Amino acid sequence: MASVIRLSRKSDAEEFFLYLKLVMLGLGVVGIIGFMVKLISTALPSIFG
């Protein structure tokens, strides 16, 4: 465990913002997929009901 901490380094601002963009993109994709599933699940009963 100590060797991992010794090898770790603080990321610079450019790397931090790259990771931030990737995380936000992933959250957006998951949110869009969830929204589409919810939209379809509410639309199907009205179409077939």
N, C-alpha and C. Protein backbone atom coordinates (compact mmCIF):
# COMPACT_ATOMS: atom_id res chain seq x y z
N MET A 1 0.83 -1.20 0.00
CA MET A 1 0.00 0.00 0.00
C MET A 1 0.87 1.25 0.00
N ALA A 2 1.90 1.25 0.77
CA ALA A 2 2.78 2.42 0.85
C ALA A 2 3.49 2.66 -0.47
N SER A 3 3.82 1.59 -1.20
CA SER A 3 4.50 1.78 -2.48
C SER A 3 3.57 2.42 -3.50
N VAL A 4 2.29 2.12 -3.45
CA VAL A 4 1.31 2.73 -4.35
C VAL A 4 1.21 4.22 -4.07
N ILE A 5 1.18 4.57 -2.79
CA ILE A 5 1.09 5.99 -2.42
C ILE A 5 2.35 6.74 -2.83
N ARG A 6 3.52 6.07 -2.70
CA ARG A 6 4.77 6.72 -3.12
C ARG A 6 4.80 6.95 -4.63
N LEU A 7 4.22 6.04 -5.40
CA LEU A 7 4.23 6.17 -6.86
C LEU A 7 3.16 7.12 -7.38
N SER A 8 2.16 7.38 -6.59
CA SER A 8 1.08 8.25 -7.06
C SER A 8 1.56 9.69 -7.15
N ARG A 9 0.90 10.44 -8.02
CA ARG A 9 1.25 11.85 -8.19
C ARG A 9 -0.03 12.65 -8.34
N LYS A 10 0.08 13.92 -8.09
CA LYS A 10 -1.07 14.80 -8.24
C LYS A 10 -1.20 15.15 -9.72
N SER A 11 -2.42 15.03 -10.24
CA SER A 11 -2.63 15.35 -11.66
C SER A 11 -2.63 16.86 -11.86
N ASP A 12 -2.19 17.26 -13.04
CA ASP A 12 -2.19 18.70 -13.34
C ASP A 12 -3.59 19.12 -13.78
N ALA A 13 -3.75 20.40 -14.00
CA ALA A 13 -5.09 20.95 -14.30
C ALA A 13 -5.64 20.38 -15.60
N GLU A 14 -4.80 20.21 -16.61
CA GLU A 14 -5.26 19.70 -17.90
C GLU A 14 -5.80 18.27 -17.76
N GLU A 15 -5.08 17.43 -17.04
CA GLU A 15 -5.52 16.06 -16.83
C GLU A 15 -6.79 16.01 -15.97
N PHE A 16 -6.87 16.86 -14.98
CA PHE A 16 -8.06 16.91 -14.12
C PHE A 16 -9.30 17.28 -14.93
N PHE A 17 -9.19 18.29 -15.79
CA PHE A 17 -10.35 18.70 -16.58
C PHE A 17 -10.70 17.66 -17.64
N LEU A 18 -9.72 16.92 -18.13
CA LEU A 18 -10.01 15.82 -19.05
C LEU A 18 -10.85 14.75 -18.35
N TYR A 19 -10.44 14.36 -17.14
CA TYR A 19 -11.22 13.38 -16.37
C TYR A 19 -12.59 13.93 -16.02
N LEU A 20 -12.67 15.21 -15.70
CA LEU A 20 -13.95 15.82 -15.37
C LEU A 20 -14.90 15.77 -16.57
N LYS A 21 -14.38 16.08 -17.75
CA LYS A 21 -15.21 16.03 -18.96
C LYS A 21 -15.70 14.60 -19.24
N LEU A 22 -14.80 13.62 -19.05
CA LEU A 22 -15.19 12.23 -19.29
C LEU A 22 -16.26 11.77 -18.31
N VAL A 23 -16.14 12.16 -17.05
CA VAL A 23 -17.14 11.78 -16.05
C VAL A 23 -18.47 12.44 -16.37
N MET A 24 -18.46 13.72 -16.73
CA MET A 24 -19.70 14.42 -17.07
C MET A 24 -20.35 13.82 -18.33
N LEU A 25 -19.53 13.44 -19.29
CA LEU A 25 -20.06 12.79 -20.50
C LEU A 25 -20.73 11.47 -20.14
N GLY A 26 -20.08 10.68 -19.28
CA GLY A 26 -20.67 9.42 -18.85
C GLY A 26 -21.98 9.62 -18.10
N LEU A 27 -22.02 10.60 -17.21
CA LEU A 27 -23.26 10.89 -16.49
C LEU A 27 -24.36 11.33 -17.44
N GLY A 28 -24.01 12.13 -18.43
CA GLY A 28 -24.99 12.57 -19.41
C GLY A 28 -25.55 11.42 -20.22
N VAL A 29 -24.68 10.50 -20.63
CA VAL A 29 -25.12 9.35 -21.41
C VAL A 29 -26.05 8.46 -20.57
N VAL A 30 -25.67 8.21 -19.33
CA VAL A 30 -26.52 7.40 -18.46
C VAL A 30 -27.86 8.10 -18.20
N GLY A 31 -27.84 9.40 -18.05
CA GLY A 31 -29.07 10.15 -17.85
C GLY A 31 -29.98 10.11 -19.06
N ILE A 32 -29.40 10.24 -20.23
CA ILE A 32 -30.20 10.18 -21.47
C ILE A 32 -30.81 8.79 -21.64
N ILE A 33 -30.03 7.76 -21.37
CA ILE A 33 -30.56 6.39 -21.48
C ILE A 33 -31.70 6.19 -20.48
N GLY A 34 -31.53 6.66 -19.25
CA GLY A 34 -32.59 6.54 -18.26
C GLY A 34 -33.83 7.30 -18.65
N PHE A 35 -33.65 8.49 -19.22
CA PHE A 35 -34.79 9.29 -19.67
C PHE A 35 -35.53 8.58 -20.79
N MET A 36 -34.81 8.01 -21.73
CA MET A 36 -35.45 7.30 -22.84
C MET A 36 -36.21 6.07 -22.35
N VAL A 37 -35.64 5.33 -21.40
CA VAL A 37 -36.34 4.17 -20.85
C VAL A 37 -37.62 4.61 -20.15
N LYS A 38 -37.56 5.68 -19.37
CA LYS A 38 -38.74 6.18 -18.68
C LYS A 38 -39.78 6.68 -19.68
N LEU A 39 -39.35 7.36 -20.72
CA LEU A 39 -40.26 7.87 -21.74
C LEU A 39 -40.96 6.72 -22.46
N ILE A 40 -40.22 5.69 -22.81
CA ILE A 40 -40.80 4.55 -23.50
C ILE A 40 -41.75 3.79 -22.57
N SER A 41 -41.36 3.65 -21.30
CA SER A 41 -42.21 2.89 -20.38
C SER A 41 -43.51 3.62 -20.07
N THR A 42 -43.53 4.94 -20.17
CA THR A 42 -44.79 5.66 -19.96
C THR A 42 -45.60 5.76 -21.24
N ALA A 43 -44.95 5.65 -22.40
CA ALA A 43 -45.67 5.76 -23.66
C ALA A 43 -46.30 4.43 -24.08
N LEU A 44 -45.70 3.32 -23.73
CA LEU A 44 -46.23 2.01 -24.17
C LEU A 44 -47.61 1.70 -23.62
N PRO A 45 -47.91 1.93 -22.36
CA PRO A 45 -49.27 1.63 -21.91
C PRO A 45 -50.34 2.47 -22.60
N SER A 46 -50.03 3.70 -22.94
CA SER A 46 -51.03 4.52 -23.62
C SER A 46 -51.21 4.10 -25.07
N ILE A 47 -50.20 3.52 -25.66
CA ILE A 47 -50.32 3.05 -27.05
C ILE A 47 -51.10 1.73 -27.11
N PHE A 48 -50.76 0.80 -26.22
CA PHE A 48 -51.36 -0.53 -26.26
C PHE A 48 -52.54 -0.69 -25.29
N GLY A 49 -52.81 0.30 -24.48
CA GLY A 49 -53.86 0.17 -23.48
C GLY A 49 -55.13 0.71 -23.95
